[in-house]
PDB file of all heavy atoms in Angstrom:
ATOM      1  N   MET A   1     -13.526 -21.018  -3.497  1.00  0.00           N
ATOM      2  CA  MET A   1     -13.512 -19.763  -4.250  1.00  0.00           C
ATOM      3  C   MET A   1     -14.079 -18.618  -3.412  1.00  0.00           C
ATOM      4  O   MET A   1     -13.537 -17.503  -3.391  1.00  0.00           O
ATOM      5  CB  MET A   1     -14.309 -19.898  -5.554  1.00  0.00           C
ATOM      6  CG  MET A   1     -13.741 -20.887  -6.561  1.00  0.00           C
ATOM      7  SD  MET A   1     -12.024 -20.533  -7.070  1.00  0.00           S
ATOM      8  CE  MET A   1     -11.132 -21.794  -6.145  1.00  0.00           C
ATOM      9  N   GLU A   2     -15.163 -18.888  -2.708  1.00  0.00           N
ATOM     10  CA  GLU A   2     -15.757 -17.856  -1.859  1.00  0.00           C
ATOM     11  C   GLU A   2     -14.811 -17.514  -0.712  1.00  0.00           C
ATOM     12  O   GLU A   2     -14.688 -16.342  -0.319  1.00  0.00           O
ATOM     13  CB  GLU A   2     -17.104 -18.329  -1.314  1.00  0.00           C
ATOM     14  CG  GLU A   2     -17.867 -17.290  -0.509  1.00  0.00           C
ATOM     15  CD  GLU A   2     -18.227 -16.047  -1.312  1.00  0.00           C
ATOM     16  OE1 GLU A   2     -18.401 -16.154  -2.555  1.00  0.00           O
ATOM     17  OE2 GLU A   2     -18.330 -14.963  -0.703  1.00  0.00           O
ATOM     18  N   GLY A   3     -14.129 -18.519  -0.176  1.00  0.00           N
ATOM     19  CA  GLY A   3     -13.187 -18.271   0.910  1.00  0.00           C
ATOM     20  C   GLY A   3     -12.035 -17.378   0.486  1.00  0.00           C
ATOM     21  O   GLY A   3     -11.619 -16.485   1.227  1.00  0.00           O
ATOM     22  N   ILE A   4     -11.513 -17.599  -0.723  1.00  0.00           N
ATOM     23  CA  ILE A   4     -10.434 -16.751  -1.237  1.00  0.00           C
ATOM     24  C   ILE A   4     -10.938 -15.335  -1.471  1.00  0.00           C
ATOM     25  O   ILE A   4     -10.289 -14.348  -1.110  1.00  0.00           O
ATOM     26  CB  ILE A   4      -9.850 -17.351  -2.530  1.00  0.00           C
ATOM     27  CG1 ILE A   4      -9.201 -18.703  -2.239  1.00  0.00           C
ATOM     28  CG2 ILE A   4      -8.837 -16.394  -3.157  1.00  0.00           C
ATOM     29  CD1 ILE A   4      -8.891 -19.511  -3.475  1.00  0.00           C
ATOM     30  N   ALA A   5     -12.134 -15.227  -2.080  1.00  0.00           N
ATOM     31  CA  ALA A   5     -12.710 -13.900  -2.343  1.00  0.00           C
ATOM     32  C   ALA A   5     -12.961 -13.154  -1.039  1.00  0.00           C
ATOM     33  O   ALA A   5     -12.635 -11.959  -0.917  1.00  0.00           O
ATOM     34  CB  ALA A   5     -14.006 -14.051  -3.134  1.00  0.00           C
ATOM     35  N   GLU A   6     -13.537 -13.835  -0.060  1.00  0.00           N
ATOM     36  CA  GLU A   6     -13.809 -13.193   1.232  1.00  0.00           C
ATOM     37  C   GLU A   6     -12.508 -12.751   1.909  1.00  0.00           C
ATOM     38  O   GLU A   6     -12.459 -11.692   2.545  1.00  0.00           O
ATOM     39  CB  GLU A   6     -14.573 -14.151   2.140  1.00  0.00           C
ATOM     40  CG  GLU A   6     -16.026 -14.375   1.728  1.00  0.00           C
ATOM     41  CD  GLU A   6     -16.727 -15.373   2.629  1.00  0.00           C
ATOM     42  OE1 GLU A   6     -16.046 -15.981   3.484  1.00  0.00           O
ATOM     43  OE2 GLU A   6     -17.952 -15.541   2.477  1.00  0.00           O
ATOM     44  N   ALA A   7     -11.467 -13.578   1.777  1.00  0.00           N
ATOM     45  CA  ALA A   7     -10.189 -13.210   2.378  1.00  0.00           C
ATOM     46  C   ALA A   7      -9.640 -11.946   1.736  1.00  0.00           C
ATOM     47  O   ALA A   7      -9.120 -11.056   2.426  1.00  0.00           O
ATOM     48  CB  ALA A   7      -9.195 -14.359   2.234  1.00  0.00           C
ATOM     49  N   LEU A   8      -9.754 -11.833   0.426  1.00  0.00           N
ATOM     50  CA  LEU A   8      -9.257 -10.640  -0.260  1.00  0.00           C
ATOM     51  C   LEU A   8     -10.032  -9.385   0.146  1.00  0.00           C
ATOM     52  O   LEU A   8      -9.480  -8.283   0.131  1.00  0.00           O
ATOM     53  CB  LEU A   8      -9.353 -10.835  -1.774  1.00  0.00           C
ATOM     54  CG  LEU A   8      -8.347 -11.808  -2.386  1.00  0.00           C
ATOM     55  CD1 LEU A   8      -8.696 -12.096  -3.836  1.00  0.00           C
ATOM     56  CD2 LEU A   8      -6.929 -11.256  -2.284  1.00  0.00           C
ATOM     57  N   GLU A   9     -11.286  -9.559   0.507  1.00  0.00           N
ATOM     58  CA  GLU A   9     -12.130  -8.418   0.883  1.00  0.00           C
ATOM     59  C   GLU A   9     -12.063  -8.095   2.368  1.00  0.00           C
ATOM     60  O   GLU A   9     -12.566  -7.051   2.801  1.00  0.00           O
ATOM     61  CB  GLU A   9     -13.584  -8.706   0.501  1.00  0.00           C
ATOM     62  CG  GLU A   9     -13.809  -8.828  -0.994  1.00  0.00           C
ATOM     63  CD  GLU A   9     -15.164  -9.414  -1.343  1.00  0.00           C
ATOM     64  OE1 GLU A   9     -15.741 -10.140  -0.503  1.00  0.00           O
ATOM     65  OE2 GLU A   9     -15.653  -9.168  -2.452  1.00  0.00           O
ATOM     66  N   ASP A  10     -11.466  -8.977   3.151  1.00  0.00           N
ATOM     67  CA  ASP A  10     -11.428  -8.802   4.603  1.00  0.00           C
ATOM     68  C   ASP A  10     -10.623  -7.552   4.976  1.00  0.00           C
ATOM     69  O   ASP A  10      -9.531  -7.318   4.437  1.00  0.00           O
ATOM     70  CB  ASP A  10     -10.798 -10.034   5.246  1.00  0.00           C
ATOM     71  CG  ASP A  10     -10.816  -9.965   6.754  1.00  0.00           C
ATOM     72  OD1 ASP A  10     -11.869 -10.231   7.342  1.00  0.00           O
ATOM     73  OD2 ASP A  10      -9.763  -9.613   7.342  1.00  0.00           O
ATOM     74  N   PRO A  11     -11.140  -6.724   5.889  1.00  0.00           N
ATOM     75  CA  PRO A  11     -10.429  -5.487   6.260  1.00  0.00           C
ATOM     76  C   PRO A  11      -9.006  -5.720   6.753  1.00  0.00           C
ATOM     77  O   PRO A  11      -8.100  -4.919   6.449  1.00  0.00           O
ATOM     78  CB  PRO A  11     -11.301  -4.895   7.362  1.00  0.00           C
ATOM     79  CG  PRO A  11     -12.675  -5.421   7.071  1.00  0.00           C
ATOM     80  CD  PRO A  11     -12.463  -6.806   6.537  1.00  0.00           C
ATOM     81  N   SER A  12      -8.781  -6.802   7.505  1.00  0.00           N
ATOM     82  CA  SER A  12      -7.425  -7.048   8.001  1.00  0.00           C
ATOM     83  C   SER A  12      -6.484  -7.407   6.864  1.00  0.00           C
ATOM     84  O   SER A  12      -5.303  -7.013   6.875  1.00  0.00           O
ATOM     85  CB  SER A  12      -7.439  -8.156   9.060  1.00  0.00           C
ATOM     86  OG  SER A  12      -7.922  -9.377   8.517  1.00  0.00           O
ATOM     87  N   VAL A  13      -6.981  -8.144   5.878  1.00  0.00           N
ATOM     88  CA  VAL A  13      -6.153  -8.500   4.729  1.00  0.00           C
ATOM     89  C   VAL A  13      -5.895  -7.266   3.868  1.00  0.00           C
ATOM     90  O   VAL A  13      -4.764  -7.011   3.439  1.00  0.00           O
ATOM     91  CB  VAL A  13      -6.807  -9.617   3.899  1.00  0.00           C
ATOM     92  CG1 VAL A  13      -6.020  -9.877   2.611  1.00  0.00           C
ATOM     93  CG2 VAL A  13      -6.913 -10.897   4.715  1.00  0.00           C
ATOM     94  N   VAL A  14      -6.944  -6.478   3.619  1.00  0.00           N
ATOM     95  CA  VAL A  14      -6.767  -5.244   2.844  1.00  0.00           C
ATOM     96  C   VAL A  14      -5.780  -4.320   3.548  1.00  0.00           C
ATOM     97  O   VAL A  14      -4.928  -3.690   2.907  1.00  0.00           O
ATOM     98  CB  VAL A  14      -8.116  -4.539   2.621  1.00  0.00           C
ATOM     99  CG1 VAL A  14      -7.917  -3.166   1.975  1.00  0.00           C
ATOM    100  CG2 VAL A  14      -9.037  -5.389   1.751  1.00  0.00           C
ATOM    101  N   GLY A  15      -5.856  -4.265   4.875  1.00  0.00           N
ATOM    102  CA  GLY A  15      -4.912  -3.446   5.627  1.00  0.00           C
ATOM    103  C   GLY A  15      -3.481  -3.928   5.455  1.00  0.00           C
ATOM    104  O   GLY A  15      -2.556  -3.118   5.327  1.00  0.00           O
ATOM    105  N   ALA A  16      -3.302  -5.250   5.459  1.00  0.00           N
ATOM    106  CA  ALA A  16      -1.959  -5.793   5.245  1.00  0.00           C
ATOM    107  C   ALA A  16      -1.457  -5.478   3.841  1.00  0.00           C
ATOM    108  O   ALA A  16      -0.291  -5.142   3.645  1.00  0.00           O
ATOM    109  CB  ALA A  16      -1.976  -7.305   5.475  1.00  0.00           C
ATOM    110  N   ILE A  17      -2.354  -5.562   2.864  1.00  0.00           N
ATOM    111  CA  ILE A  17      -1.975  -5.275   1.469  1.00  0.00           C
ATOM    112  C   ILE A  17      -1.576  -3.815   1.316  1.00  0.00           C
ATOM    113  O   ILE A  17      -0.518  -3.497   0.765  1.00  0.00           O
ATOM    114  CB  ILE A  17      -3.136  -5.616   0.514  1.00  0.00           C
ATOM    115  CG1 ILE A  17      -3.343  -7.129   0.444  1.00  0.00           C
ATOM    116  CG2 ILE A  17      -2.860  -5.056  -0.887  1.00  0.00           C
ATOM    117  CD1 ILE A  17      -4.600  -7.548  -0.304  1.00  0.00           C
ATOM    118  N   THR A  18      -2.430  -2.919   1.781  1.00  0.00           N
ATOM    119  CA  THR A  18      -2.159  -1.486   1.606  1.00  0.00           C
ATOM    120  C   THR A  18      -1.032  -0.996   2.498  1.00  0.00           C
ATOM    121  O   THR A  18      -0.496   0.093   2.284  1.00  0.00           O
ATOM    122  CB  THR A  18      -3.433  -0.656   1.860  1.00  0.00           C
ATOM    123  OG1 THR A  18      -3.941  -0.945   3.177  1.00  0.00           O
ATOM    124  CG2 THR A  18      -4.513  -1.002   0.833  1.00  0.00           C
ATOM    125  N   GLY A  19      -0.657  -1.805   3.495  1.00  0.00           N
ATOM    126  CA  GLY A  19       0.487  -1.460   4.322  1.00  0.00           C
ATOM    127  C   GLY A  19       1.809  -1.670   3.620  1.00  0.00           C
ATOM    128  O   GLY A  19       2.857  -1.249   4.114  1.00  0.00           O
ATOM    129  N   ASN A  20       1.767  -2.351   2.461  1.00  0.00           N
ATOM    130  CA  ASN A  20       2.963  -2.545   1.639  1.00  0.00           C
ATOM    131  C   ASN A  20       3.016  -1.472   0.561  1.00  0.00           C
ATOM    132  O   ASN A  20       2.061  -1.352  -0.217  1.00  0.00           O
ATOM    133  CB  ASN A  20       2.923  -3.918   0.956  1.00  0.00           C
ATOM    134  CG  ASN A  20       3.232  -5.064   1.893  1.00  0.00           C
ATOM    135  OD1 ASN A  20       4.374  -5.320   2.217  1.00  0.00           O
ATOM    136  ND2 ASN A  20       2.185  -5.762   2.336  1.00  0.00           N
ATOM    137  N   PRO A  21       4.074  -0.691   0.480  1.00  0.00           N
ATOM    138  CA  PRO A  21       4.177   0.287  -0.611  1.00  0.00           C
ATOM    139  C   PRO A  21       4.036  -0.411  -1.963  1.00  0.00           C
ATOM    140  O   PRO A  21       4.736  -1.373  -2.246  1.00  0.00           O
ATOM    141  CB  PRO A  21       5.588   0.864  -0.427  1.00  0.00           C
ATOM    142  CG  PRO A  21       5.902   0.635   1.011  1.00  0.00           C
ATOM    143  CD  PRO A  21       5.247  -0.661   1.369  1.00  0.00           C
ATOM    144  N   GLY A  22       3.093   0.066  -2.771  1.00  0.00           N
ATOM    145  CA  GLY A  22       2.877  -0.562  -4.062  1.00  0.00           C
ATOM    146  C   GLY A  22       1.960  -1.759  -4.031  1.00  0.00           C
ATOM    147  O   GLY A  22       1.660  -2.342  -5.066  1.00  0.00           O
ATOM    148  N   GLY A  23       1.495  -2.163  -2.831  1.00  0.00           N
ATOM    149  CA  GLY A  23       0.591  -3.293  -2.725  1.00  0.00           C
ATOM    150  C   GLY A  23       1.295  -4.615  -2.941  1.00  0.00           C
ATOM    151  O   GLY A  23       2.472  -4.782  -2.608  1.00  0.00           O
ATOM    152  N   ILE A  24       0.559  -5.587  -3.508  1.00  0.00           N
ATOM    153  CA  ILE A  24       1.103  -6.917  -3.754  1.00  0.00           C
ATOM    154  C   ILE A  24       0.774  -7.340  -5.183  1.00  0.00           C
ATOM    155  O   ILE A  24      -0.046  -6.722  -5.863  1.00  0.00           O
ATOM    156  CB  ILE A  24       0.521  -7.968  -2.780  1.00  0.00           C
ATOM    157  CG1 ILE A  24      -0.982  -8.204  -3.055  1.00  0.00           C
ATOM    158  CG2 ILE A  24       0.762  -7.576  -1.337  1.00  0.00           C
ATOM    159  CD1 ILE A  24      -1.552  -9.425  -2.346  1.00  0.00           C
ATOM    160  N   LEU A  25       1.415  -8.409  -5.627  1.00  0.00           N
ATOM    161  CA  LEU A  25       1.009  -9.102  -6.841  1.00  0.00           C
ATOM    162  C   LEU A  25       0.266 -10.361  -6.426  1.00  0.00           C
ATOM    163  O   LEU A  25       0.647 -11.025  -5.450  1.00  0.00           O
ATOM    164  CB  LEU A  25       2.218  -9.471  -7.693  1.00  0.00           C
ATOM    165  CG  LEU A  25       2.944  -8.318  -8.379  1.00  0.00           C
ATOM    166  CD1 LEU A  25       4.219  -8.831  -9.037  1.00  0.00           C
ATOM    167  CD2 LEU A  25       2.047  -7.642  -9.403  1.00  0.00           C
ATOM    168  N   PHE A  26      -0.792 -10.701  -7.168  1.00  0.00           N
ATOM    169  CA  PHE A  26      -1.633 -11.850  -6.815  1.00  0.00           C
ATOM    170  C   PHE A  26      -1.908 -12.671  -8.065  1.00  0.00           C
ATOM    171  O   PHE A  26      -2.166 -12.123  -9.150  1.00  0.00           O
ATOM    172  CB  PHE A  26      -2.964 -11.363  -6.224  1.00  0.00           C
ATOM    173  CG  PHE A  26      -3.966 -12.462  -5.952  1.00  0.00           C
ATOM    174  CD1 PHE A  26      -4.021 -13.067  -4.714  1.00  0.00           C
ATOM    175  CD2 PHE A  26      -4.859 -12.880  -6.943  1.00  0.00           C
ATOM    176  CE1 PHE A  26      -4.939 -14.084  -4.459  1.00  0.00           C
ATOM    177  CE2 PHE A  26      -5.776 -13.889  -6.694  1.00  0.00           C
ATOM    178  CZ  PHE A  26      -5.828 -14.492  -5.450  1.00  0.00           C
TER     179      PHE A  26
END
């Protein structure tokens, strides 16, 4: 659970998410 949460908060992951118009569904 902590690994998933940390991944969602990671700057590289956030950058990948925000690089998609409209973001993602999770």
